[in-house]
Amino acid sequence: MRKTEDAYMIRISSLALTLMLAACAQQASVSETAETAEILIPVPEDGEGALAPLATTEEIEFAIQSPVLDALRVFSPPHAPFTVIDNIHHVGGASVSAYLITTDEGHFLIDGIVPQSPPMIVENIEALGFDISDVRYLLNSHAHIDHAGGLAALKQASGAEMVASERDAPILEAGAISFGPSAGMPFPPVRVDQIIYDGDQLTLGDTTLTAVIMPGHSPGCTSWLVDVTDEDGNPHQAFFHCSTSLGGQRVAPESYPGMVDDYRATFERVRGIDADVFLAFHSSMFGMLDRYERLMGGDDLAFVDAGALQRFNDASEAQFNTALSRQQSELETSSR
């Protein structure tokens, strides 16, 4: 592994970083300037080859203390942990989410937020009466710094098995992505222990998570479906939505080959999902703060909304189409 200073040198201003994260959260239509880049996905021959090393404690601490990454600390302030429904718990921040799904045979933890977030996540887990050492599976929605930055530290703290999609795993193990606004923003690399494919399932106790691969926002963007019940015993289905925002990425030209087709396939895929508990990884995407207030006010079903997922999918697709048309027009104009 390269020296710490080389591995985590940040080449982007705090302002640019904050703007990129805001674009992810709000699905804003911004004027992107990134050039098209190839996805650097090293695939060992015959499925063999050495796994990337897990970041060391020193490297994790270096990333946490980076003055540029301090912008991320402000971006996702702490939030009190709470139970969403059944065995799903929100243990993330006020702006960027992480989820603990608990069982009698160990727990699932989805996302590590930014490099500064693991202490907050661990504290939130403990505040709910659980222990980080009982996390069996560590999952990631997508391999961007604001969701994957804390995974190495959480894997180190829990000893959990890191599970990721085939197309995002190399980014996690490299601790860097080669395209889009996140390029040039390395994070502590995390060893991936298991590759997950579309439709694969992970089970602990009586809880089974089903992977839904939704490429677009990242090449291997991964959502999860899980069955839950409310306090009256009524069944519901929760959907952890990876993301369909552009987040400042270009689609004309494409930030990675096949990106437009990936987005279109993902929008169509989501149309076939009938979940009534819609959860996402930026609080603004699913009205988390408002729903939390309702929950604290006694509405146990604050996060149950049969139409929320499809409303979000329709709005997200419309924003995508608008951005695509605009960028295509800009591209045609610039090429004249």
Protein backbone atom coordinates (compact mmCIF):
# COMPACT_ATOMS: atom_id res chain seq x y z
CA MET A 1 0.00 0.00 0.00
CA ARG A 2 1.21 3.50 -0.75
CA LYS A 3 2.25 5.85 1.98
CA THR A 4 -0.61 7.40 3.89
CA GLU A 5 -0.02 10.88 2.50
CA ASP A 6 -0.17 9.62 -1.09
CA ALA A 7 -3.10 7.29 -0.51
CA TYR A 8 -5.38 9.95 0.92
CA MET A 9 -4.23 13.19 -0.69
CA ILE A 10 -7.34 15.20 -1.43
CA ARG A 11 -7.39 17.23 -4.65
CA ILE A 12 -10.71 19.03 -4.35
CA SER A 13 -11.85 22.06 -2.39
CA SER A 14 -14.30 21.86 0.50
CA LEU A 15 -16.73 24.01 -1.48
CA ALA A 16 -16.71 21.69 -4.49
CA LEU A 17 -17.14 18.71 -2.21
CA THR A 18 -20.12 20.25 -0.45
CA LEU A 19 -21.76 21.13 -3.77
CA MET A 20 -21.34 17.56 -5.01
CA LEU A 21 -22.94 16.14 -1.87
CA ALA A 22 -25.79 18.62 -2.07
CA ALA A 23 -26.44 17.50 -5.63
CA CYS A 24 -26.69 13.89 -4.47
CA ALA A 25 -29.13 14.78 -1.72
CA GLN A 26 -31.37 17.16 -3.62
CA GLN A 27 -31.12 15.64 -7.11
CA ALA A 28 -30.34 19.17 -8.30
CA SER A 29 -29.89 20.01 -11.97
CA VAL A 30 -26.41 21.50 -11.98
CA SER A 31 -24.05 22.26 -14.82
CA GLU A 32 -21.56 19.42 -14.69
CA THR A 33 -18.09 19.80 -16.17
CA ALA A 34 -16.54 16.39 -15.57
CA GLU A 35 -15.11 14.59 -18.58
CA THR A 36 -16.10 11.07 -19.53
CA ALA A 37 -13.81 8.53 -17.89
CA GLU A 38 -13.40 4.78 -18.12
CA ILE A 39 -14.35 2.69 -15.13
CA LEU A 40 -11.22 1.14 -13.74
CA ILE A 41 -12.41 -2.28 -12.60
CA PRO A 42 -9.56 -4.76 -12.26
CA VAL A 43 -10.84 -8.32 -12.65
CA PRO A 44 -8.37 -11.10 -11.70
CA GLU A 45 -8.06 -13.89 -14.24
CA ASP A 46 -10.20 -16.96 -13.53
CA GLY A 47 -11.70 -15.21 -10.52
CA GLU A 48 -8.44 -15.44 -8.60
CA GLY A 49 -6.09 -12.84 -7.24
CA ALA A 50 -5.10 -11.14 -4.02
CA LEU A 51 -7.75 -9.07 -2.28
CA ALA A 52 -6.99 -5.43 -1.66
CA PRO A 53 -5.76 -4.84 1.89
CA LEU A 54 -8.00 -3.34 4.51
CA ALA A 55 -6.99 0.19 5.46
CA THR A 56 -4.87 0.35 8.59
CA THR A 57 -5.87 2.20 11.74
CA GLU A 58 -3.29 4.87 10.92
CA GLU A 59 -4.72 5.39 7.45
CA ILE A 60 -8.29 5.52 8.75
CA GLU A 61 -7.30 8.12 11.36
CA PHE A 62 -5.46 10.15 8.72
CA ALA A 63 -8.61 10.26 6.58
CA ILE A 64 -10.76 11.19 9.57
CA GLN A 65 -8.50 14.12 10.43
CA SER A 66 -8.13 15.43 6.87
CA PRO A 67 -8.93 19.16 6.87
CA VAL A 68 -10.69 18.91 3.51
CA LEU A 69 -12.85 15.99 4.59
CA ASP A 70 -13.91 18.09 7.56
CA ALA A 71 -16.53 19.53 5.18
CA LEU A 72 -18.17 16.12 5.31
CA ARG A 73 -18.46 16.29 9.09
CA VAL A 74 -20.53 19.45 8.78
CA PHE A 75 -22.59 17.99 5.92
CA SER A 76 -23.99 15.13 7.98
CA PRO A 77 -24.49 16.27 11.58
CA PRO A 78 -25.43 13.68 14.21
CA HIS A 79 -29.01 12.58 14.72
CA ALA A 80 -30.62 10.59 17.51
CA PRO A 81 -31.00 6.91 16.57
CA PHE A 82 -34.51 5.54 16.26
CA THR A 83 -36.48 2.48 15.22
CA VAL A 84 -38.10 2.98 11.82
CA ILE A 85 -40.33 -0.10 11.94
CA ASP A 86 -39.94 -3.62 13.31
CA ASN A 87 -36.21 -4.47 13.40
CA ILE A 88 -35.04 -1.63 11.15
CA HIS A 89 -33.18 1.14 12.96
CA HIS A 90 -31.77 4.43 11.67
CA VAL A 91 -28.26 4.89 13.08
CA GLY A 92 -26.96 7.54 10.67
CA GLY A 93 -26.89 11.32 10.67
CA ALA A 94 -29.40 14.05 9.98
CA SER A 95 -28.48 14.29 6.30
CA VAL A 96 -26.92 10.96 5.34
CA SER A 97 -28.35 7.66 6.57
CA ALA A 98 -27.09 4.32 7.83
CA TYR A 99 -29.35 1.46 8.89
CA LEU A 100 -29.06 -1.37 11.41
CA ILE A 101 -31.30 -4.39 10.84
CA THR A 102 -31.24 -6.53 13.97
CA THR A 103 -31.84 -10.25 14.53
CA ASP A 104 -31.23 -12.80 17.26
CA GLU A 105 -28.37 -14.23 15.18
CA GLY A 106 -26.49 -11.02 14.45
CA HIS A 107 -27.14 -7.81 12.58
CA PHE A 108 -26.89 -6.17 9.17
CA LEU A 109 -25.40 -2.68 8.89
CA ILE A 110 -25.93 -0.72 5.67
CA ASP A 111 -23.45 2.06 4.84
CA GLY A 112 -20.65 3.78 6.71
CA ILE A 113 -21.36 7.36 5.60
CA VAL A 114 -18.13 9.46 5.60
CA PRO A 115 -14.74 8.69 7.21
CA GLN A 116 -15.68 10.74 10.29
CA SER A 117 -18.99 8.92 10.84
CA PRO A 118 -18.11 5.53 12.44
CA PRO A 119 -17.88 6.88 16.03
CA MET A 120 -21.35 8.40 15.63
CA ILE A 121 -22.74 5.20 14.08
CA VAL A 122 -21.28 3.01 16.84
CA GLU A 123 -22.61 5.37 19.51
CA ASN A 124 -26.06 5.28 17.92
CA ILE A 125 -26.01 1.48 17.79
CA GLU A 126 -25.09 1.32 21.47
CA ALA A 127 -27.76 3.87 22.40
CA LEU A 128 -30.36 1.48 20.98
CA GLY A 129 -29.02 -1.33 23.16
CA PHE A 130 -27.01 -3.18 20.50
CA ASP A 131 -23.29 -3.78 19.95
CA ILE A 132 -21.15 -3.19 16.88
CA SER A 133 -19.45 -6.54 17.51
CA ASP A 134 -22.74 -8.30 16.74
CA VAL A 135 -22.85 -6.95 13.18
CA ARG A 136 -22.39 -9.94 10.88
CA TYR A 137 -22.88 -8.33 7.47
CA LEU A 138 -21.65 -4.90 6.43
CA LEU A 139 -23.39 -3.66 3.27
CA ASN A 140 -22.98 -0.64 1.01
CA SER A 141 -25.56 1.17 -1.09
CA HIS A 142 -22.96 2.61 -3.46
CA ALA A 143 -19.24 3.27 -3.57
CA HIS A 144 -19.14 7.04 -3.11
CA ILE A 145 -17.23 8.69 -0.28
CA ASP A 146 -20.38 9.92 1.51
CA HIS A 147 -21.67 6.36 1.88
CA ALA A 148 -18.51 4.21 1.78
CA GLY A 149 -16.03 6.46 3.57
CA GLY A 150 -16.60 4.87 6.99
CA LEU A 151 -16.83 1.22 5.93
CA ALA A 152 -13.18 0.34 6.62
CA ALA A 153 -13.41 1.60 10.19
CA LEU A 154 -16.72 -0.19 10.78
CA LYS A 155 -15.35 -3.45 9.38
CA GLN A 156 -12.36 -3.09 11.64
CA ALA A 157 -14.58 -2.42 14.67
CA SER A 158 -17.09 -5.19 14.00
CA GLY A 159 -15.19 -7.92 12.20
CA ALA A 160 -18.23 -8.16 9.92
CA GLU A 161 -18.21 -9.64 6.43
CA MET A 162 -18.17 -6.88 3.81
CA VAL A 163 -20.69 -7.59 1.04
CA ALA A 164 -20.83 -5.55 -2.18
CA SER A 165 -21.94 -5.72 -5.79
CA GLU A 166 -19.59 -6.93 -8.50
CA ARG A 167 -19.26 -3.53 -10.17
CA ASP A 168 -18.80 -1.46 -7.00
CA ALA A 169 -16.48 -3.86 -5.16
CA PRO A 170 -13.31 -2.77 -7.03
CA ILE A 171 -14.05 0.85 -6.16
CA LEU A 172 -14.42 -0.03 -2.47
CA GLU A 173 -11.18 -2.00 -2.49
CA ALA A 174 -9.33 0.80 -4.28
CA GLY A 175 -10.79 3.44 -1.99
CA ALA A 176 -11.32 5.66 -5.02
CA ILE A 177 -13.52 6.13 -8.05
CA SER A 178 -12.13 7.26 -11.40
CA PHE A 179 -15.06 9.31 -12.72
CA GLY A 180 -17.67 11.84 -11.67
CA PRO A 181 -17.49 14.47 -8.91
CA SER A 182 -16.14 11.89 -6.44
CA ALA A 183 -13.01 11.36 -8.54
CA GLY A 184 -10.04 12.73 -6.62
CA MET A 185 -11.72 12.09 -3.26
CA PRO A 186 -10.15 8.87 -1.97
CA PHE A 187 -11.41 7.13 1.15
CA PRO A 188 -10.04 4.29 3.30
CA PRO A 189 -10.25 1.13 1.17
CA VAL A 190 -12.22 -1.80 2.53
CA ARG A 191 -11.75 -5.47 1.73
CA VAL A 192 -14.82 -7.04 0.10
CA ASP A 193 -15.43 -10.57 1.41
CA GLN A 194 -18.47 -11.49 -0.67
CA ILE A 195 -19.82 -10.37 -4.04
CA ILE A 196 -23.59 -10.00 -4.23
CA TYR A 197 -25.61 -10.31 -7.43
CA ASP A 198 -29.12 -9.20 -8.33
CA GLY A 199 -31.67 -11.32 -6.50
CA ASP A 200 -29.15 -12.81 -4.07
CA GLN A 201 -30.27 -13.10 -0.47
CA LEU A 202 -28.62 -12.73 2.92
CA THR A 203 -30.32 -14.28 5.94
CA LEU A 204 -29.79 -13.86 9.67
CA GLY A 205 -32.34 -15.42 12.00
CA ASP A 206 -35.80 -14.89 10.52
CA THR A 207 -34.77 -11.83 8.47
CA THR A 208 -33.83 -12.10 4.79
CA LEU A 209 -32.53 -9.21 2.69
CA THR A 210 -32.84 -9.47 -1.09
CA ALA A 211 -30.40 -7.53 -3.27
CA VAL A 212 -31.74 -5.34 -6.07
CA ILE A 213 -28.88 -4.13 -8.28
CA MET A 214 -29.79 -0.70 -9.67
CA PRO A 215 -26.88 0.65 -11.76
CA GLY A 216 -26.74 4.30 -12.74
CA HIS A 217 -25.79 6.49 -9.79
CA SER A 218 -22.88 4.08 -9.43
CA PRO A 219 -22.14 1.07 -11.67
CA GLY A 220 -23.18 -1.36 -8.94
CA CYS A 221 -25.68 0.69 -6.95
CA THR A 222 -27.40 -1.79 -4.61
CA SER A 223 -30.83 -1.58 -3.00
CA TRP A 224 -32.35 -4.08 -0.58
CA LEU A 225 -35.83 -5.49 0.04
CA VAL A 226 -36.92 -6.92 3.39
CA ASP A 227 -40.25 -8.00 4.86
CA VAL A 228 -41.27 -6.40 8.16
CA THR A 229 -44.35 -6.19 10.38
CA ASP A 230 -45.80 -3.28 12.31
CA GLU A 231 -46.78 -3.34 15.98
CA ASP A 232 -50.22 -4.73 15.11
CA GLY A 233 -48.69 -7.62 13.19
CA ASN A 234 -49.56 -6.27 9.74
CA PRO A 235 -47.03 -7.13 7.01
CA HIS A 236 -45.07 -4.51 5.08
CA GLN A 237 -42.14 -4.50 2.70
CA ALA A 238 -39.25 -2.10 3.20
CA PHE A 239 -37.07 -0.95 0.32
CA PHE A 240 -33.64 0.58 0.93
CA HIS A 241 -33.30 2.67 -2.23
CA CYS A 242 -29.67 3.07 -3.34
CA SER A 243 -30.08 6.27 -5.40
CA THR A 244 -31.21 7.42 -8.82
CA SER A 245 -29.95 10.99 -8.58
CA LEU A 246 -27.27 12.17 -10.98
CA GLY A 247 -25.33 13.76 -8.15
CA GLY A 248 -23.48 16.11 -10.50
CA GLN A 249 -22.46 13.36 -12.93
CA ARG A 250 -22.61 13.77 -16.70
CA VAL A 251 -24.80 11.61 -18.89
CA ALA A 252 -23.88 13.36 -22.16
CA PRO A 253 -21.18 12.32 -22.60
CA GLU A 254 -21.70 9.45 -20.19
CA SER A 255 -19.58 9.38 -17.05
CA TYR A 256 -19.15 5.65 -17.66
CA PRO A 257 -20.07 3.49 -20.68
CA GLY A 258 -23.71 2.42 -20.68
CA MET A 259 -24.75 4.84 -17.94
CA VAL A 260 -27.89 6.11 -19.69
CA ASP A 261 -29.13 2.59 -20.40
CA ASP A 262 -28.39 1.67 -16.78
CA TYR A 263 -30.51 4.53 -15.47
CA ARG A 264 -33.40 3.72 -17.80
CA ALA A 265 -33.35 0.05 -16.79
CA THR A 266 -33.27 1.03 -13.12
CA PHE A 267 -36.29 3.33 -13.39
CA GLU A 268 -38.21 0.52 -15.09
CA ARG A 269 -37.08 -1.96 -12.44
CA VAL A 270 -38.29 0.22 -9.59
CA ARG A 271 -41.71 0.54 -11.24
CA GLY A 272 -42.18 -3.16 -10.55
CA ILE A 273 -41.41 -2.93 -6.83
CA ASP A 274 -44.41 -2.71 -4.50
CA ALA A 275 -42.74 -1.72 -1.22
CA ASP A 276 -44.65 0.51 1.20
CA VAL A 277 -41.73 1.51 3.44
CA PHE A 278 -39.46 3.66 1.28
CA LEU A 279 -36.05 4.38 2.81
CA ALA A 280 -33.10 6.13 1.19
CA PHE A 281 -29.59 7.21 2.11
CA HIS A 282 -30.07 10.98 2.04
CA SER A 283 -32.74 12.20 4.45
CA SER A 284 -34.13 14.74 1.98
CA MET A 285 -34.98 11.98 -0.49
CA PHE A 286 -37.60 10.35 1.74
CA GLY A 287 -38.62 13.14 4.09
CA MET A 288 -36.85 11.52 7.00
CA LEU A 289 -36.85 14.49 9.34
CA ASP A 290 -40.57 15.17 8.92
CA ARG A 291 -41.44 11.49 9.29
CA TYR A 292 -39.20 11.27 12.37
CA GLU A 293 -41.15 14.10 14.00
CA ARG A 294 -44.39 12.25 13.27
CA LEU A 295 -42.90 9.07 14.73
CA MET A 296 -41.87 10.89 17.90
CA GLY A 297 -45.37 12.34 18.07
CA GLY A 298 -46.88 8.86 18.33
CA ASP A 299 -47.43 7.88 14.69
CA ASP A 300 -45.98 4.36 14.67
CA LEU A 301 -46.60 4.10 10.92
CA ALA A 302 -44.88 7.37 10.00
CA PHE A 303 -42.61 5.61 7.52
CA VAL A 304 -45.36 3.51 5.93
CA ASP A 305 -46.49 5.13 2.67
CA ALA A 306 -47.65 2.89 -0.17
CA GLY A 307 -47.14 5.56 -2.84
CA ALA A 308 -43.86 7.13 -1.72
CA LEU A 309 -41.49 4.92 -3.70
CA GLN A 310 -43.28 5.34 -7.01
CA ARG A 311 -43.72 9.10 -6.53
CA PHE A 312 -39.99 9.36 -5.95
CA ASN A 313 -39.19 7.15 -8.93
CA ASP A 314 -41.39 9.21 -11.26
CA ALA A 315 -39.88 12.50 -10.07
CA SER A 316 -36.36 11.14 -10.29
CA GLU A 317 -36.91 9.86 -13.83
CA ALA A 318 -38.30 13.22 -14.91
CA GLN A 319 -35.26 15.00 -13.48
CA PHE A 320 -32.98 12.55 -15.25
CA ASN A 321 -34.68 13.09 -18.60
CA THR A 322 -34.48 16.86 -18.18
CA ALA A 323 -30.78 16.70 -17.35
CA LEU A 324 -30.09 14.33 -20.25
CA SER A 325 -31.86 16.59 -22.75
CA ARG A 326 -30.05 19.66 -21.46
CA GLN A 327 -26.64 18.01 -21.53
CA GLN A 328 -27.21 16.58 -25.00
CA SER A 329 -28.14 20.06 -26.23
CA GLU A 330 -25.06 21.56 -24.59
CA LEU A 331 -22.89 18.86 -26.14
CA GLU A 332 -24.31 19.50 -29.61
CA THR A 333 -23.80 23.25 -29.22
CA SER A 334 -20.20 22.88 -28.06
CA SER A 335 -19.34 20.56 -30.96
CA ARG A 336 -20.45 23.01 -33.66
